[in-house]
Amino acid sequence: MQEQKLYEYAVIRLVPKPEREEFFNVGLIMFSKREKFIQVKIHVCEEKFRVIRSKIDYEDVKKHLESFVSIAKGEKSAGSIAQLEIPERFRWLTAVKSSIIQTSRPHPGASNDLNKTFDRLFDELVM
């Protein structure tokens, strides 16, 4: 029997009007220290975004969300945070922020296949 791999995940949320505390899920971050695994996937439904009637620019939001992906991948163009070790990158990405892009608190789990689990959670929580 294959050993279960421990992981943590957090949902990335768009909070267009923080004073109203309304949000919708736009991405997922998953991390496993032992497996040296980190993955981020983003999906912003443009239709949902337009319905919120916010003064926030759609392209700006997408650009900022893509920085989550770049940091997780450790891309040099993403700056010094992206050069940190995987656990530190995950902690930085999931730190409490007061911006319009926030994350849920990290949640733990165990899986035989981190990629399949990531896909399932993304489908359930974001799509």
C-alpha atoms as a PDB file:
ATOM      1  CA  MET A   1       0.000   0.000   0.000  1.00  0.00           C
ATOM      2  CA  GLN A   2       1.307   3.422  -0.957  1.00  0.00           C
ATOM      3  CA  GLU A   3       2.151   5.806   1.883  1.00  0.00           C
ATOM      4  CA  GLN A   4      -0.151   8.808   2.316  1.00  0.00           C
ATOM      5  CA  LYS A   5       1.497  12.148   1.579  1.00  0.00           C
ATOM      6  CA  LEU A   6       0.649  14.983   3.934  1.00  0.00           C
ATOM      7  CA  TYR A   7      -0.274  18.320   2.373  1.00  0.00           C
ATOM      8  CA  GLU A   8      -1.808  21.689   3.109  1.00  0.00           C
ATOM      9  CA  TYR A   9      -3.995  23.753   0.843  1.00  0.00           C
ATOM     10  CA  ALA A  10      -5.582  27.193   0.827  1.00  0.00           C
ATOM     11  CA  VAL A  11      -8.215  28.714  -1.417  1.00  0.00           C
ATOM     12  CA  ILE A  12      -7.375  32.011  -3.125  1.00  0.00           C
ATOM     13  CA  ARG A  13     -10.264  34.447  -2.913  1.00  0.00           C
ATOM     14  CA  LEU A  14     -11.152  37.666  -4.632  1.00  0.00           C
ATOM     15  CA  VAL A  15     -12.654  40.116  -2.151  1.00  0.00           C
ATOM     16  CA  PRO A  16     -13.743  43.027  -4.372  1.00  0.00           C
ATOM     17  CA  LYS A  17     -15.337  45.002  -1.548  1.00  0.00           C
ATOM     18  CA  PRO A  18     -13.518  44.068   1.680  1.00  0.00           C
ATOM     19  CA  GLU A  19     -15.871  46.202   3.758  1.00  0.00           C
ATOM     20  CA  ARG A  20     -18.739  43.884   2.741  1.00  0.00           C
ATOM     21  CA  GLU A  21     -16.650  40.726   3.343  1.00  0.00           C
ATOM     22  CA  GLU A  22     -18.018  39.144   0.155  1.00  0.00           C
ATOM     23  CA  PHE A  23     -15.719  36.989  -1.903  1.00  0.00           C
ATOM     24  CA  PHE A  24     -15.542  34.347  -4.580  1.00  0.00           C
ATOM     25  CA  ASN A  25     -12.923  31.656  -5.036  1.00  0.00           C
ATOM     26  CA  VAL A  26     -10.425  32.191  -7.847  1.00  0.00           C
ATOM     27  CA  GLY A  27      -7.617  29.750  -7.161  1.00  0.00           C
ATOM     28  CA  LEU A  28      -5.972  27.075  -5.091  1.00  0.00           C
ATOM     29  CA  ILE A  29      -2.536  26.649  -3.496  1.00  0.00           C
ATOM     30  CA  MET A  30      -1.373  23.216  -2.371  1.00  0.00           C
ATOM     31  CA  PHE A  31       1.891  22.344  -0.661  1.00  0.00           C
ATOM     32  CA  SER A  32       3.663  19.285   0.714  1.00  0.00           C
ATOM     33  CA  LYS A  33       6.905  19.825   2.589  1.00  0.00           C
ATOM     34  CA  ARG A  34       8.091  16.217   2.475  1.00  0.00           C
ATOM     35  CA  GLU A  35       7.350  15.885  -1.246  1.00  0.00           C
ATOM     36  CA  LYS A  36       8.791  19.349  -2.029  1.00  0.00           C
ATOM     37  CA  PHE A  37       5.549  20.051  -3.835  1.00  0.00           C
ATOM     38  CA  ILE A  38       3.807  23.348  -4.412  1.00  0.00           C
ATOM     39  CA  GLN A  39       1.162  24.057  -6.992  1.00  0.00           C
ATOM     40  CA  VAL A  40      -1.052  27.044  -7.717  1.00  0.00           C
ATOM     41  CA  LYS A  41      -3.848  27.282 -10.245  1.00  0.00           C
ATOM     42  CA  ILE A  42      -5.990  30.312 -10.965  1.00  0.00           C
ATOM     43  CA  HIS A  43      -9.361  30.707 -12.667  1.00  0.00           C
ATOM     44  CA  VAL A  44     -11.198  34.024 -12.655  1.00  0.00           C
ATOM     45  CA  CYS A  45     -14.665  33.783 -14.153  1.00  0.00           C
ATOM     46  CA  GLU A  46     -14.913  37.026 -16.109  1.00  0.00           C
ATOM     47  CA  GLU A  47     -18.719  36.927 -16.017  1.00  0.00           C
ATOM     48  CA  LYS A  48     -18.745  36.652 -12.218  1.00  0.00           C
ATOM     49  CA  PHE A  49     -16.141  39.391 -12.027  1.00  0.00           C
ATOM     50  CA  ARG A  50     -18.273  41.751 -14.127  1.00  0.00           C
ATOM     51  CA  VAL A  51     -21.382  41.095 -11.998  1.00  0.00           C
ATOM     52  CA  ILE A  52     -19.723  42.441  -8.853  1.00  0.00           C
ATOM     53  CA  ARG A  53     -19.612  45.920 -10.438  1.00  0.00           C
ATOM     54  CA  SER A  54     -16.378  46.820  -8.797  1.00  0.00           C
ATOM     55  CA  LYS A  55     -13.976  49.562  -9.785  1.00  0.00           C
ATOM     56  CA  ILE A  56     -11.236  46.936  -9.889  1.00  0.00           C
ATOM     57  CA  ASP A  57      -9.681  46.314 -13.289  1.00  0.00           C
ATOM     58  CA  TYR A  58     -10.032  42.695 -14.484  1.00  0.00           C
ATOM     59  CA  GLU A  59      -6.613  42.642 -16.182  1.00  0.00           C
ATOM     60  CA  ASP A  60      -4.914  44.045 -13.058  1.00  0.00           C
ATOM     61  CA  VAL A  61      -6.478  41.330 -10.918  1.00  0.00           C
ATOM     62  CA  LYS A  62      -5.367  38.611 -13.344  1.00  0.00           C
ATOM     63  CA  LYS A  63      -1.836  40.031 -13.349  1.00  0.00           C
ATOM     64  CA  HIS A  64      -1.657  39.986  -9.535  1.00  0.00           C
ATOM     65  CA  LEU A  65      -3.063  36.464  -9.384  1.00  0.00           C
ATOM     66  CA  GLU A  66      -0.483  35.279 -11.914  1.00  0.00           C
ATOM     67  CA  SER A  67       2.201  36.497  -9.513  1.00  0.00           C
ATOM     68  CA  PHE A  68       0.990  33.768  -7.104  1.00  0.00           C
ATOM     69  CA  VAL A  69       1.772  31.199  -9.810  1.00  0.00           C
ATOM     70  CA  SER A  70       5.190  32.735 -10.544  1.00  0.00           C
ATOM     71  CA  ILE A  71       6.138  32.846  -6.866  1.00  0.00           C
ATOM     72  CA  ALA A  72       5.052  29.234  -6.326  1.00  0.00           C
ATOM     73  CA  LYS A  73       7.126  28.126  -9.329  1.00  0.00           C
ATOM     74  CA  GLY A  74      10.151  29.988  -7.973  1.00  0.00           C
ATOM     75  CA  GLU A  75      10.571  32.090 -11.101  1.00  0.00           C
ATOM     76  CA  LYS A  76      13.415  34.599 -10.777  1.00  0.00           C
ATOM     77  CA  SER A  77      11.266  37.293 -12.385  1.00  0.00           C
ATOM     78  CA  ALA A  78       8.884  37.033  -9.392  1.00  0.00           C
ATOM     79  CA  GLY A  79      11.434  38.578  -7.028  1.00  0.00           C
ATOM     80  CA  SER A  80      13.064  37.557  -3.779  1.00  0.00           C
ATOM     81  CA  ILE A  81       9.995  35.828  -2.302  1.00  0.00           C
ATOM     82  CA  ALA A  82      10.059  33.360  -5.196  1.00  0.00           C
ATOM     83  CA  GLN A  83      13.639  32.434  -4.288  1.00  0.00           C
ATOM     84  CA  LEU A  84      12.687  31.206  -0.829  1.00  0.00           C
ATOM     85  CA  GLU A  85      12.319  27.515  -0.036  1.00  0.00           C
ATOM     86  CA  ILE A  86       8.918  25.971  -0.833  1.00  0.00           C
ATOM     87  CA  PRO A  87       7.559  26.065   2.758  1.00  0.00           C
ATOM     88  CA  GLU A  88       8.413  29.753   3.098  1.00  0.00           C
ATOM     89  CA  ARG A  89       6.811  30.541  -0.263  1.00  0.00           C
ATOM     90  CA  PHE A  90       3.619  28.759   0.815  1.00  0.00           C
ATOM     91  CA  ARG A  91       3.548  30.610   4.162  1.00  0.00           C
ATOM     92  CA  TRP A  92       4.102  33.956   2.422  1.00  0.00           C
ATOM     93  CA  LEU A  93       1.372  33.283  -0.150  1.00  0.00           C
ATOM     94  CA  THR A  94      -1.110  32.257   2.549  1.00  0.00           C
ATOM     95  CA  ALA A  95      -0.268  35.013   5.050  1.00  0.00           C
ATOM     96  CA  VAL A  96      -3.241  37.121   6.139  1.00  0.00           C
ATOM     97  CA  LYS A  97      -3.619  40.116   3.870  1.00  0.00           C
ATOM     98  CA  SER A  98      -6.026  43.034   3.869  1.00  0.00           C
ATOM     99  CA  SER A  99      -6.046  43.356   0.098  1.00  0.00           C
ATOM    100  CA  ILE A 100      -8.706  42.331  -2.388  1.00  0.00           C
ATOM    101  CA  ILE A 101      -6.804  39.082  -3.027  1.00  0.00           C
ATOM    102  CA  GLN A 102      -6.797  36.899   0.075  1.00  0.00           C
ATOM    103  CA  THR A 103      -6.446  33.233   0.960  1.00  0.00           C
ATOM    104  CA  SER A 104      -8.340  30.983   3.305  1.00  0.00           C
ATOM    105  CA  ARG A 105      -6.513  29.571   6.272  1.00  0.00           C
ATOM    106  CA  PRO A 106      -4.459  26.518   5.297  1.00  0.00           C
ATOM    107  CA  HIS A 107      -6.232  23.177   5.643  1.00  0.00           C
ATOM    108  CA  PRO A 108      -4.415  19.830   6.112  1.00  0.00           C
ATOM    109  CA  GLY A 109      -4.929  16.595   4.246  1.00  0.00           C
ATOM    110  CA  ALA A 110      -3.344  13.328   3.154  1.00  0.00           C
ATOM    111  CA  SER A 111      -3.257  11.811  -0.305  1.00  0.00           C
ATOM    112  CA  ASN A 112      -1.727   9.007  -2.321  1.00  0.00           C
ATOM    113  CA  ASP A 113      -1.574  11.280  -5.394  1.00  0.00           C
ATOM    114  CA  LEU A 114      -1.019  14.986  -4.808  1.00  0.00           C
ATOM    115  CA  ASN A 115      -1.737  15.980  -8.412  1.00  0.00           C
ATOM    116  CA  LYS A 116      -5.090  14.167  -8.494  1.00  0.00           C
ATOM    117  CA  THR A 117      -6.030  15.606  -5.121  1.00  0.00           C
ATOM    118  CA  PHE A 118      -5.093  19.098  -6.304  1.00  0.00           C
ATOM    119  CA  ASP A 119      -7.280  18.705  -9.405  1.00  0.00           C
ATOM    120  CA  ARG A 120     -10.216  17.414  -7.337  1.00  0.00           C
ATOM    121  CA  LEU A 121      -9.967  20.236  -4.809  1.00  0.00           C
ATOM    122  CA  PHE A 122      -9.659  22.833  -7.583  1.00  0.00           C
ATOM    123  CA  ASP A 123     -12.753  21.497  -9.293  1.00  0.00           C
ATOM    124  CA  GLU A 124     -14.734  21.379  -6.031  1.00  0.00           C
ATOM    125  CA  LEU A 125     -13.648  24.709  -4.569  1.00  0.00           C
ATOM    126  CA  VAL A 126     -12.952  26.984  -7.533  1.00  0.00           C
ATOM    127  CA  MET A 127     -14.746  25.812 -10.639  1.00  0.00           C
END
